[in-house]
Amino acid sequence: MSILVIDSTTGILPRLKAIFEDRGLTNLALAKTAAEARALHDEKAKSTNSIDEMTLIIIDGKLDDGDGFELCRQIRDMPAAAHAYIIVLVSSAENKTAIEKAKHSGANDYAVKPYDGIEFIRHFMVYAYRKTVLLVEDDPVIVKLISALVHKKHLELITAGDGTRGYNLINTISPPRLVLLDIGLPGMNGIKLVELIRGKNIWRKTPVLMLTGSKEASDVKNSLGAGANDYIVKPFQIDDVNKRIDKFLGEVK
C-alpha cells in the first residue's frame, strides 16, 4: 500500500516525509506534475499485488502542468486507485468554488494547505479513521499475516514492533479504524498500552483486539479489564482472525 502526493511545490518532499512518518505512514511517493502522477499510476497498474495499490492520494488543486480537479476525475477511473481515499487540496476554507469543484471531482474529501495546519490535519483524521489499522506486534510472522489480511481490505497498516514504539504512535497518529495489540510486547506490555490508549479521550471508542500467546485466564481478564474489546489466542487460523477483524471493521468503504 502507498500514499501518493501530487504537488508542484518546490522542496515539499522532505517536509511531507517527516509529517507522514511521524504518523506511522512511511510508504510515500511524490509526483510534482499531473504527467508524473499518470506515469506512477501506469507503473502501479502493472502489478496484481494488492500491496501495490494506492491507499491515499492527495492532489493539489493547482499543478504546474494542469488542473488538479480534472486530474482527480481521471485518477478516480484508474484501476490502481479504485480503492484509494482521495483528498484534493484547496487554497482556503473560504474558497467555496474550489471546495465545490473538489466535491464534484470524485474526491472523498478536500483539505486546506499547509500540511501541518489545523484544517489539513482535521480532514486527514477522517481518512485515518476510515482507512488505517494499527498493529503492535513483535513477531514478524504475525505481522506478515495481518498485513496481508489488512491489505486485501484496501486499508493501510501502521506497525510498531514493541510497546514503547506503540505508545509513541498513539501520541502522534490519529485514531485508526482498529488496533491489533499483542500482550507480550518488549518495552511495554500490551495490557499497559491498552490502559494508556483508553486514557486518551479521542481513542476511547477505538476498537482494540488483543493478540495473545498466553492461555492464562488472568491475562485475558486483565486485558479486557484494561479496556480491550476482544482477544484471540495464538496460534490462530487465518479465517478466524479475519472474521474477528471484520467484526470490528464493519463495512469497509
C-alpha atoms as a PDB file:
ATOM      1  CA  MET A   1       0.000   0.000   0.000  1.00  0.00           C
ATOM      2  CA  SER A   2       1.235   3.534  -0.577  1.00  0.00           C
ATOM      3  CA  ILE A   3       0.470   7.222  -0.325  1.00  0.00           C
ATOM      4  CA  LEU A   4       0.816   9.445  -3.374  1.00  0.00           C
ATOM      5  CA  VAL A   5       1.043  13.216  -3.030  1.00  0.00           C
ATOM      6  CA  ILE A   6       0.697  15.266  -6.220  1.00  0.00           C
ATOM      7  CA  ASP A   7       2.014  18.749  -5.516  1.00  0.00           C
ATOM      8  CA  SER A   8       4.194  21.091  -7.590  1.00  0.00           C
ATOM      9  CA  THR A   9       5.563  22.961  -4.562  1.00  0.00           C
ATOM     10  CA  THR A  10       9.378  23.061  -4.640  1.00  0.00           C
ATOM     11  CA  GLY A  11      11.163  21.158  -1.870  1.00  0.00           C
ATOM     12  CA  ILE A  12       7.985  19.725  -0.349  1.00  0.00           C
ATOM     13  CA  LEU A  13       9.030  16.029  -0.169  1.00  0.00           C
ATOM     14  CA  PRO A  14      11.335  16.207   2.912  1.00  0.00           C
ATOM     15  CA  ARG A  15       8.650  18.093   4.856  1.00  0.00           C
ATOM     16  CA  LEU A  16       5.985  15.618   3.812  1.00  0.00           C
ATOM     17  CA  LYS A  17       8.118  12.632   4.776  1.00  0.00           C
ATOM     18  CA  ALA A  18       8.562  13.994   8.289  1.00  0.00           C
ATOM     19  CA  ILE A  19       4.856  14.760   8.699  1.00  0.00           C
ATOM     20  CA  PHE A  20       3.675  11.340   7.496  1.00  0.00           C
ATOM     21  CA  GLU A  21       6.420   9.279   9.123  1.00  0.00           C
ATOM     22  CA  ASP A  22       5.504  10.823  12.484  1.00  0.00           C
ATOM     23  CA  ARG A  23       2.086   9.308  11.902  1.00  0.00           C
ATOM     24  CA  GLY A  24       3.484   5.860  11.090  1.00  0.00           C
ATOM     25  CA  LEU A  25       2.994   6.166   7.321  1.00  0.00           C
ATOM     26  CA  THR A  26       6.315   5.559   5.611  1.00  0.00           C
ATOM     27  CA  ASN A  27       5.485   4.464   2.047  1.00  0.00           C
ATOM     28  CA  LEU A  28       5.207   7.898   0.453  1.00  0.00           C
ATOM     29  CA  ALA A  29       5.647   8.902  -3.190  1.00  0.00           C
ATOM     30  CA  LEU A  30       5.605  12.416  -4.621  1.00  0.00           C
ATOM     31  CA  ALA A  31       4.601  13.473  -8.124  1.00  0.00           C
ATOM     32  CA  LYS A  32       5.334  17.099  -8.978  1.00  0.00           C
ATOM     33  CA  THR A  33       3.074  17.172 -12.034  1.00  0.00           C
ATOM     34  CA  ALA A  34      -0.016  15.510 -13.445  1.00  0.00           C
ATOM     35  CA  ALA A  35       2.210  13.767 -16.006  1.00  0.00           C
ATOM     36  CA  GLU A  36       4.375  12.240 -13.262  1.00  0.00           C
ATOM     37  CA  ALA A  37       1.233  11.087 -11.432  1.00  0.00           C
ATOM     38  CA  ARG A  38      -0.063   9.300 -14.529  1.00  0.00           C
ATOM     39  CA  ALA A  39       3.323   7.620 -15.018  1.00  0.00           C
ATOM     40  CA  LEU A  40       3.316   6.387 -11.426  1.00  0.00           C
ATOM     41  CA  HIS A  41      -0.187   5.005 -11.902  1.00  0.00           C
ATOM     42  CA  ASP A  42       0.872   3.144 -15.049  1.00  0.00           C
ATOM     43  CA  GLU A  43       3.710   1.567 -13.066  1.00  0.00           C
ATOM     44  CA  LYS A  44       1.340   0.506 -10.278  1.00  0.00           C
ATOM     45  CA  ALA A  45      -1.165  -0.860 -12.785  1.00  0.00           C
ATOM     46  CA  LYS A  46       1.372  -3.448 -13.953  1.00  0.00           C
ATOM     47  CA  SER A  47       1.254  -5.148 -10.552  1.00  0.00           C
ATOM     48  CA  THR A  48      -1.513  -7.538  -9.487  1.00  0.00           C
ATOM     49  CA  ASN A  49      -0.385  -7.411  -5.845  1.00  0.00           C
ATOM     50  CA  SER A  50      -2.869  -5.591  -3.584  1.00  0.00           C
ATOM     51  CA  ILE A  51       0.080  -4.307  -1.519  1.00  0.00           C
ATOM     52  CA  ASP A  52       0.992  -2.102  -4.509  1.00  0.00           C
ATOM     53  CA  GLU A  53      -2.371  -0.345  -4.554  1.00  0.00           C
ATOM     54  CA  MET A  54      -2.540   3.299  -3.520  1.00  0.00           C
ATOM     55  CA  THR A  55      -4.323   3.866  -0.223  1.00  0.00           C
ATOM     56  CA  LEU A  56      -4.271   7.664  -0.034  1.00  0.00           C
ATOM     57  CA  ILE A  57      -3.879  10.176  -2.852  1.00  0.00           C
ATOM     58  CA  ILE A  58      -3.514  13.892  -2.099  1.00  0.00           C
ATOM     59  CA  ILE A  59      -3.841  16.229  -5.088  1.00  0.00           C
ATOM     60  CA  ASP A  60      -3.143  19.952  -5.069  1.00  0.00           C
ATOM     61  CA  GLY A  61      -5.868  21.805  -6.973  1.00  0.00           C
ATOM     62  CA  LYS A  62      -3.228  23.857  -8.788  1.00  0.00           C
ATOM     63  CA  LEU A  63      -0.429  21.979 -10.558  1.00  0.00           C
ATOM     64  CA  ASP A  64       2.305  23.309 -12.828  1.00  0.00           C
ATOM     65  CA  ASP A  65       1.058  21.306 -15.824  1.00  0.00           C
ATOM     66  CA  GLY A  66      -2.689  21.218 -15.292  1.00  0.00           C
ATOM     67  CA  ASP A  67      -5.793  21.372 -13.167  1.00  0.00           C
ATOM     68  CA  GLY A  68      -5.760  19.146 -10.065  1.00  0.00           C
ATOM     69  CA  PHE A  69      -9.529  18.761 -10.061  1.00  0.00           C
ATOM     70  CA  GLU A  70      -9.524  17.372 -13.604  1.00  0.00           C
ATOM     71  CA  LEU A  71      -6.630  15.069 -12.686  1.00  0.00           C
ATOM     72  CA  CYS A  72      -8.674  13.788  -9.756  1.00  0.00           C
ATOM     73  CA  ARG A  73     -11.507  12.845 -12.120  1.00  0.00           C
ATOM     74  CA  GLN A  74      -9.054  10.955 -14.312  1.00  0.00           C
ATOM     75  CA  ILE A  75      -7.369   9.184 -11.402  1.00  0.00           C
ATOM     76  CA  ARG A  76     -10.675   8.057  -9.924  1.00  0.00           C
ATOM     77  CA  ASP A  77     -11.188   5.900 -13.036  1.00  0.00           C
ATOM     78  CA  MET A  78      -7.724   4.331 -12.867  1.00  0.00           C
ATOM     79  CA  PRO A  79      -7.574   0.692 -11.634  1.00  0.00           C
ATOM     80  CA  ALA A  80      -4.687   1.204  -9.169  1.00  0.00           C
ATOM     81  CA  ALA A  81      -6.664   3.983  -7.499  1.00  0.00           C
ATOM     82  CA  ALA A  82     -10.024   2.211  -7.427  1.00  0.00           C
ATOM     83  CA  HIS A  83      -9.996   1.873  -3.627  1.00  0.00           C
ATOM     84  CA  ALA A  84      -7.884   4.928  -2.811  1.00  0.00           C
ATOM     85  CA  TYR A  85      -9.064   7.679  -0.479  1.00  0.00           C
ATOM     86  CA  ILE A  86      -8.533  10.926  -2.403  1.00  0.00           C
ATOM     87  CA  ILE A  87      -8.131  14.353  -0.806  1.00  0.00           C
ATOM     88  CA  VAL A  88      -7.988  17.433  -3.037  1.00  0.00           C
ATOM     89  CA  LEU A  89      -6.173  20.474  -1.649  1.00  0.00           C
ATOM     90  CA  VAL A  90      -7.693  23.935  -1.846  1.00  0.00           C
ATOM     91  CA  SER A  91      -6.161  27.305  -1.024  1.00  0.00           C
ATOM     92  CA  SER A  92      -8.624  28.404   1.633  1.00  0.00           C
ATOM     93  CA  ALA A  93     -11.653  27.224   3.576  1.00  0.00           C
ATOM     94  CA  GLU A  94     -13.364  30.359   2.213  1.00  0.00           C
ATOM     95  CA  ASN A  95     -12.789  29.341  -1.410  1.00  0.00           C
ATOM     96  CA  LYS A  96     -16.278  27.935  -1.970  1.00  0.00           C
ATOM     97  CA  THR A  97     -15.766  27.500  -5.709  1.00  0.00           C
ATOM     98  CA  ALA A  98     -12.703  25.281  -5.205  1.00  0.00           C
ATOM     99  CA  ILE A  99     -14.474  23.277  -2.498  1.00  0.00           C
ATOM    100  CA  GLU A 100     -17.433  22.631  -4.806  1.00  0.00           C
ATOM    101  CA  LYS A 101     -15.061  21.582  -7.597  1.00  0.00           C
ATOM    102  CA  ALA A 102     -13.340  19.190  -5.174  1.00  0.00           C
ATOM    103  CA  LYS A 103     -16.678  17.639  -4.196  1.00  0.00           C
ATOM    104  CA  HIS A 104     -17.571  17.033  -7.856  1.00  0.00           C
ATOM    105  CA  SER A 105     -14.141  15.756  -8.906  1.00  0.00           C
ATOM    106  CA  GLY A 106     -14.535  12.250  -7.467  1.00  0.00           C
ATOM    107  CA  ALA A 107     -12.542  13.057  -4.333  1.00  0.00           C
ATOM    108  CA  ASN A 108     -13.549  11.661  -0.949  1.00  0.00           C
ATOM    109  CA  ASP A 109     -12.713  14.926   0.783  1.00  0.00           C
ATOM    110  CA  TYR A 110     -10.934  18.255   0.460  1.00  0.00           C
ATOM    111  CA  ALA A 111      -8.385  19.872   2.766  1.00  0.00           C
ATOM    112  CA  VAL A 112      -6.652  23.219   3.132  1.00  0.00           C
ATOM    113  CA  LYS A 113      -2.873  23.599   2.957  1.00  0.00           C
ATOM    114  CA  PRO A 114      -0.404  23.734   4.699  1.00  0.00           C
ATOM    115  CA  TYR A 115       0.041  20.051   5.522  1.00  0.00           C
ATOM    116  CA  ASP A 116       0.847  20.795   9.156  1.00  0.00           C
ATOM    117  CA  GLY A 117      -2.107  23.165   9.519  1.00  0.00           C
ATOM    118  CA  ILE A 118      -5.183  22.512  11.636  1.00  0.00           C
ATOM    119  CA  GLU A 119      -7.540  22.300   8.650  1.00  0.00           C
ATOM    120  CA  PHE A 120      -5.459  19.693   6.839  1.00  0.00           C
ATOM    121  CA  ILE A 121      -4.964  17.582   9.972  1.00  0.00           C
ATOM    122  CA  ARG A 122      -8.703  17.657  10.675  1.00  0.00           C
ATOM    123  CA  HIS A 123      -9.513  16.194   7.259  1.00  0.00           C
ATOM    124  CA  PHE A 124      -6.584  13.797   7.451  1.00  0.00           C
ATOM    125  CA  MET A 125      -8.064  12.372  10.668  1.00  0.00           C
ATOM    126  CA  VAL A 126     -11.191  11.401   8.732  1.00  0.00           C
ATOM    127  CA  TYR A 127      -9.013   9.392   6.326  1.00  0.00           C
ATOM    128  CA  ALA A 128      -7.090   7.840   9.226  1.00  0.00           C
ATOM    129  CA  TYR A 129     -10.246   6.667  10.955  1.00  0.00           C
ATOM    130  CA  ARG A 130     -11.732   5.137   7.819  1.00  0.00           C
ATOM    131  CA  LYS A 131      -8.668   3.605   6.193  1.00  0.00           C
ATOM    132  CA  THR A 132      -5.937   2.733   8.742  1.00  0.00           C
ATOM    133  CA  VAL A 133      -5.308  -0.121  11.165  1.00  0.00           C
ATOM    134  CA  LEU A 134      -2.629  -0.076  13.881  1.00  0.00           C
ATOM    135  CA  LEU A 135      -0.766  -3.316  14.687  1.00  0.00           C
ATOM    136  CA  VAL A 136       1.609  -3.507  17.665  1.00  0.00           C
ATOM    137  CA  GLU A 137       3.342  -6.878  17.405  1.00  0.00           C
ATOM    138  CA  ASP A 138       6.945  -8.114  17.657  1.00  0.00           C
ATOM    139  CA  ASP A 139       6.518 -11.425  15.789  1.00  0.00           C
ATOM    140  CA  PRO A 140       7.389 -10.863  12.084  1.00  0.00           C
ATOM    141  CA  VAL A 141       5.320 -13.870  11.013  1.00  0.00           C
ATOM    142  CA  ILE A 142       2.203 -12.431  12.654  1.00  0.00           C
ATOM    143  CA  VAL A 143       2.964  -9.012  11.169  1.00  0.00           C
ATOM    144  CA  LYS A 144       3.186 -10.521   7.683  1.00  0.00           C
ATOM    145  CA  LEU A 145      -0.066 -12.440   8.130  1.00  0.00           C
ATOM    146  CA  ILE A 146      -2.019  -9.457   9.471  1.00  0.00           C
ATOM    147  CA  SER A 147      -0.518  -7.220   6.797  1.00  0.00           C
ATOM    148  CA  ALA A 148      -1.840  -9.483   4.038  1.00  0.00           C
ATOM    149  CA  LEU A 149      -5.327  -9.561   5.584  1.00  0.00           C
ATOM    150  CA  VAL A 150      -5.485  -5.789   6.042  1.00  0.00           C
ATOM    151  CA  HIS A 151      -4.188  -5.022   2.549  1.00  0.00           C
ATOM    152  CA  LYS A 152      -6.864  -7.235   0.994  1.00  0.00           C
ATOM    153  CA  LYS A 153      -9.401  -4.955   2.651  1.00  0.00           C
ATOM    154  CA  HIS A 154      -7.752  -1.963   0.943  1.00  0.00           C
ATOM    155  CA  LEU A 155      -6.676  -0.452   4.254  1.00  0.00           C
ATOM    156  CA  GLU A 156      -3.333   0.980   5.363  1.00  0.00           C
ATOM    157  CA  LEU A 157      -1.456  -0.885   8.102  1.00  0.00           C
ATOM    158  CA  ILE A 158       0.631   1.088  10.603  1.00  0.00           C
ATOM    159  CA  THR A 159       3.001  -1.144  12.583  1.00  0.00           C
ATOM    160  CA  ALA A 160       5.070  -0.966  15.755  1.00  0.00           C
ATOM    161  CA  GLY A 161       7.391  -3.754  16.894  1.00  0.00           C
ATOM    162  CA  ASP A 162       7.359  -3.019  20.625  1.00  0.00           C
ATOM    163  CA  GLY A 163       5.200  -1.416  23.291  1.00  0.00           C
ATOM    164  CA  THR A 164       7.282   1.748  23.570  1.00  0.00           C
ATOM    165  CA  ARG A 165       7.003   2.456  19.846  1.00  0.00           C
ATOM    166  CA  GLY A 166       3.281   1.689  20.078  1.00  0.00           C
ATOM    167  CA  TYR A 167       2.919   4.204  22.898  1.00  0.00           C
ATOM    168  CA  ASN A 168       4.803   6.839  20.895  1.00  0.00           C
ATOM    169  CA  LEU A 169       2.487   6.256  17.930  1.00  0.00           C
ATOM    170  CA  ILE A 170      -0.738   6.698  19.887  1.00  0.00           C
ATOM    171  CA  ASN A 171       0.594  10.095  20.942  1.00  0.00           C
ATOM    172  CA  THR A 172       1.245  11.215  17.358  1.00  0.00           C
ATOM    173  CA  ILE A 173      -1.180   9.488  14.979  1.00  0.00           C
ATOM    174  CA  SER A 174      -4.895   9.996  14.532  1.00  0.00           C
ATOM    175  CA  PRO A 175      -7.116   7.212  15.947  1.00  0.00           C
ATOM    176  CA  PRO A 176      -7.319   4.368  13.407  1.00  0.00           C
ATOM    177  CA  ARG A 177     -10.206   2.094  12.465  1.00  0.00           C
ATOM    178  CA  LEU A 178      -8.878  -0.724  14.658  1.00  0.00           C
ATOM    179  CA  VAL A 179      -5.946  -1.552  16.961  1.00  0.00           C
ATOM    180  CA  LEU A 180      -4.449  -5.066  16.999  1.00  0.00           C
ATOM    181  CA  LEU A 181      -2.273  -5.443  20.053  1.00  0.00           C
ATOM    182  CA  ASP A 182      -0.024  -8.235  21.343  1.00  0.00           C
ATOM    183  CA  ILE A 183       0.009  -8.727  25.124  1.00  0.00           C
ATOM    184  CA  GLY A 184       3.612  -9.942  25.481  1.00  0.00           C
ATOM    185  CA  LEU A 185       5.467  -6.992  23.975  1.00  0.00           C
ATOM    186  CA  PRO A 186       9.030  -5.843  24.638  1.00  0.00           C
ATOM    187  CA  GLY A 187       9.372  -2.369  26.117  1.00  0.00           C
ATOM    188  CA  MET A 188       5.832  -2.095  27.445  1.00  0.00           C
ATOM    189  CA  ASN A 189       3.303  -4.905  27.680  1.00  0.00           C
ATOM    190  CA  GLY A 190       0.031  -4.786  25.806  1.00  0.00           C
ATOM    191  CA  ILE A 191      -2.162  -4.525  28.891  1.00  0.00           C
ATOM    192  CA  LYS A 192      -0.411  -1.326  30.000  1.00  0.00           C
ATOM    193  CA  LEU A 193      -0.681   0.006  26.470  1.00  0.00           C
ATOM    194  CA  VAL A 194      -4.450  -0.596  26.414  1.00  0.00           C
ATOM    195  CA  GLU A 195      -4.768   1.389  29.652  1.00  0.00           C
ATOM    196  CA  LEU A 196      -2.860   4.277  28.066  1.00  0.00           C
ATOM    197  CA  ILE A 197      -4.982   4.109  24.915  1.00  0.00           C
ATOM    198  CA  ARG A 198      -8.182   4.277  26.949  1.00  0.00           C
ATOM    199  CA  GLY A 199      -6.743   7.222  28.879  1.00  0.00           C
ATOM    200  CA  LYS A 200      -6.782   9.354  25.718  1.00  0.00           C
ATOM    201  CA  ASN A 201     -10.185  10.910  25.035  1.00  0.00           C
ATOM    202  CA  ILE A 202     -10.077  10.645  21.249  1.00  0.00           C
ATOM    203  CA  TRP A 203      -9.049   6.946  21.440  1.00  0.00           C
ATOM    204  CA  ARG A 204     -11.624   5.751  23.947  1.00  0.00           C
ATOM    205  CA  LYS A 205     -14.012   4.358  21.341  1.00  0.00           C
ATOM    206  CA  THR A 206     -11.315   2.839  19.091  1.00  0.00           C
ATOM    207  CA  PRO A 207     -11.777  -0.967  18.988  1.00  0.00           C
ATOM    208  CA  VAL A 208      -8.823  -2.924  20.424  1.00  0.00           C
ATOM    209  CA  LEU A 209      -8.347  -6.608  19.596  1.00  0.00           C
ATOM    210  CA  MET A 210      -5.722  -8.362  21.734  1.00  0.00           C
ATOM    211  CA  LEU A 211      -3.419 -10.993  20.254  1.00  0.00           C
ATOM    212  CA  THR A 212      -2.010 -13.306  22.902  1.00  0.00           C
ATOM    213  CA  GLY A 213       0.088 -16.442  23.052  1.00  0.00           C
ATOM    214  CA  SER A 214      -0.921 -16.930  26.676  1.00  0.00           C
ATOM    215  CA  LYS A 215      -3.746 -19.215  27.687  1.00  0.00           C
ATOM    216  CA  GLU A 216      -3.720 -17.841  31.243  1.00  0.00           C
ATOM    217  CA  ALA A 217      -7.214 -16.659  32.188  1.00  0.00           C
ATOM    218  CA  SER A 218      -5.696 -13.796  34.173  1.00  0.00           C
ATOM    219  CA  ASP A 219      -4.028 -12.327  31.075  1.00  0.00           C
ATOM    220  CA  VAL A 220      -7.283 -12.350  29.165  1.00  0.00           C
ATOM    221  CA  LYS A 221      -9.211 -10.951  32.128  1.00  0.00           C
ATOM    222  CA  ASN A 222      -6.644  -8.199  32.696  1.00  0.00           C
ATOM    223  CA  SER A 223      -6.606  -7.151  29.040  1.00  0.00           C
ATOM    224  CA  LEU A 224     -10.406  -6.918  28.902  1.00  0.00           C
ATOM    225  CA  GLY A 225     -10.414  -5.131  32.241  1.00  0.00           C
ATOM    226  CA  ALA A 226      -7.918  -2.610  30.884  1.00  0.00           C
ATOM    227  CA  GLY A 227     -10.302  -1.731  28.070  1.00  0.00           C
ATOM    228  CA  ALA A 228      -9.709  -4.210  25.231  1.00  0.00           C
ATOM    229  CA  ASN A 229     -12.832  -5.150  23.260  1.00  0.00           C
ATOM    230  CA  ASP A 230     -11.878  -8.760  22.491  1.00  0.00           C
ATOM    231  CA  TYR A 231      -8.944 -11.158  22.223  1.00  0.00           C
ATOM    232  CA  ILE A 232      -7.718 -14.010  20.065  1.00  0.00           C
ATOM    233  CA  VAL A 233      -5.246 -16.682  21.183  1.00  0.00           C
ATOM    234  CA  LYS A 234      -2.166 -17.592  19.115  1.00  0.00           C
ATOM    235  CA  PRO A 235      -1.628 -19.662  17.108  1.00  0.00           C
ATOM    236  CA  PHE A 236      -4.781 -18.791  15.248  1.00  0.00           C
ATOM    237  CA  GLN A 237      -6.350 -19.789  11.959  1.00  0.00           C
ATOM    238  CA  ILE A 238      -6.337 -17.120   9.258  1.00  0.00           C
ATOM    239  CA  ASP A 239     -10.104 -17.382   8.769  1.00  0.00           C
ATOM    240  CA  ASP A 240     -10.687 -16.909  12.490  1.00  0.00           C
ATOM    241  CA  VAL A 241      -8.627 -13.747  12.784  1.00  0.00           C
ATOM    242  CA  ASN A 242     -10.103 -12.441   9.522  1.00  0.00           C
ATOM    243  CA  LYS A 243     -13.649 -12.823  10.882  1.00  0.00           C
ATOM    244  CA  ARG A 244     -12.641 -11.184  14.156  1.00  0.00           C
ATOM    245  CA  ILE A 245     -11.137  -8.218  12.320  1.00  0.00           C
ATOM    246  CA  ASP A 246     -14.257  -7.848  10.168  1.00  0.00           C
ATOM    247  CA  LYS A 247     -16.376  -7.833  13.327  1.00  0.00           C
ATOM    248  CA  PHE A 248     -14.777  -4.550  14.365  1.00  0.00           C
ATOM    249  CA  LEU A 249     -14.172  -3.018  10.952  1.00  0.00           C
ATOM    250  CA  GLY A 250     -17.788  -3.359   9.915  1.00  0.00           C
ATOM    251  CA  GLU A 251     -18.376  -2.351   6.336  1.00  0.00           C
ATOM    252  CA  VAL A 252     -15.118  -1.213   4.735  1.00  0.00           C
ATOM    253  CA  LYS A 253     -15.786   1.583   2.263  1.00  0.00           C
END
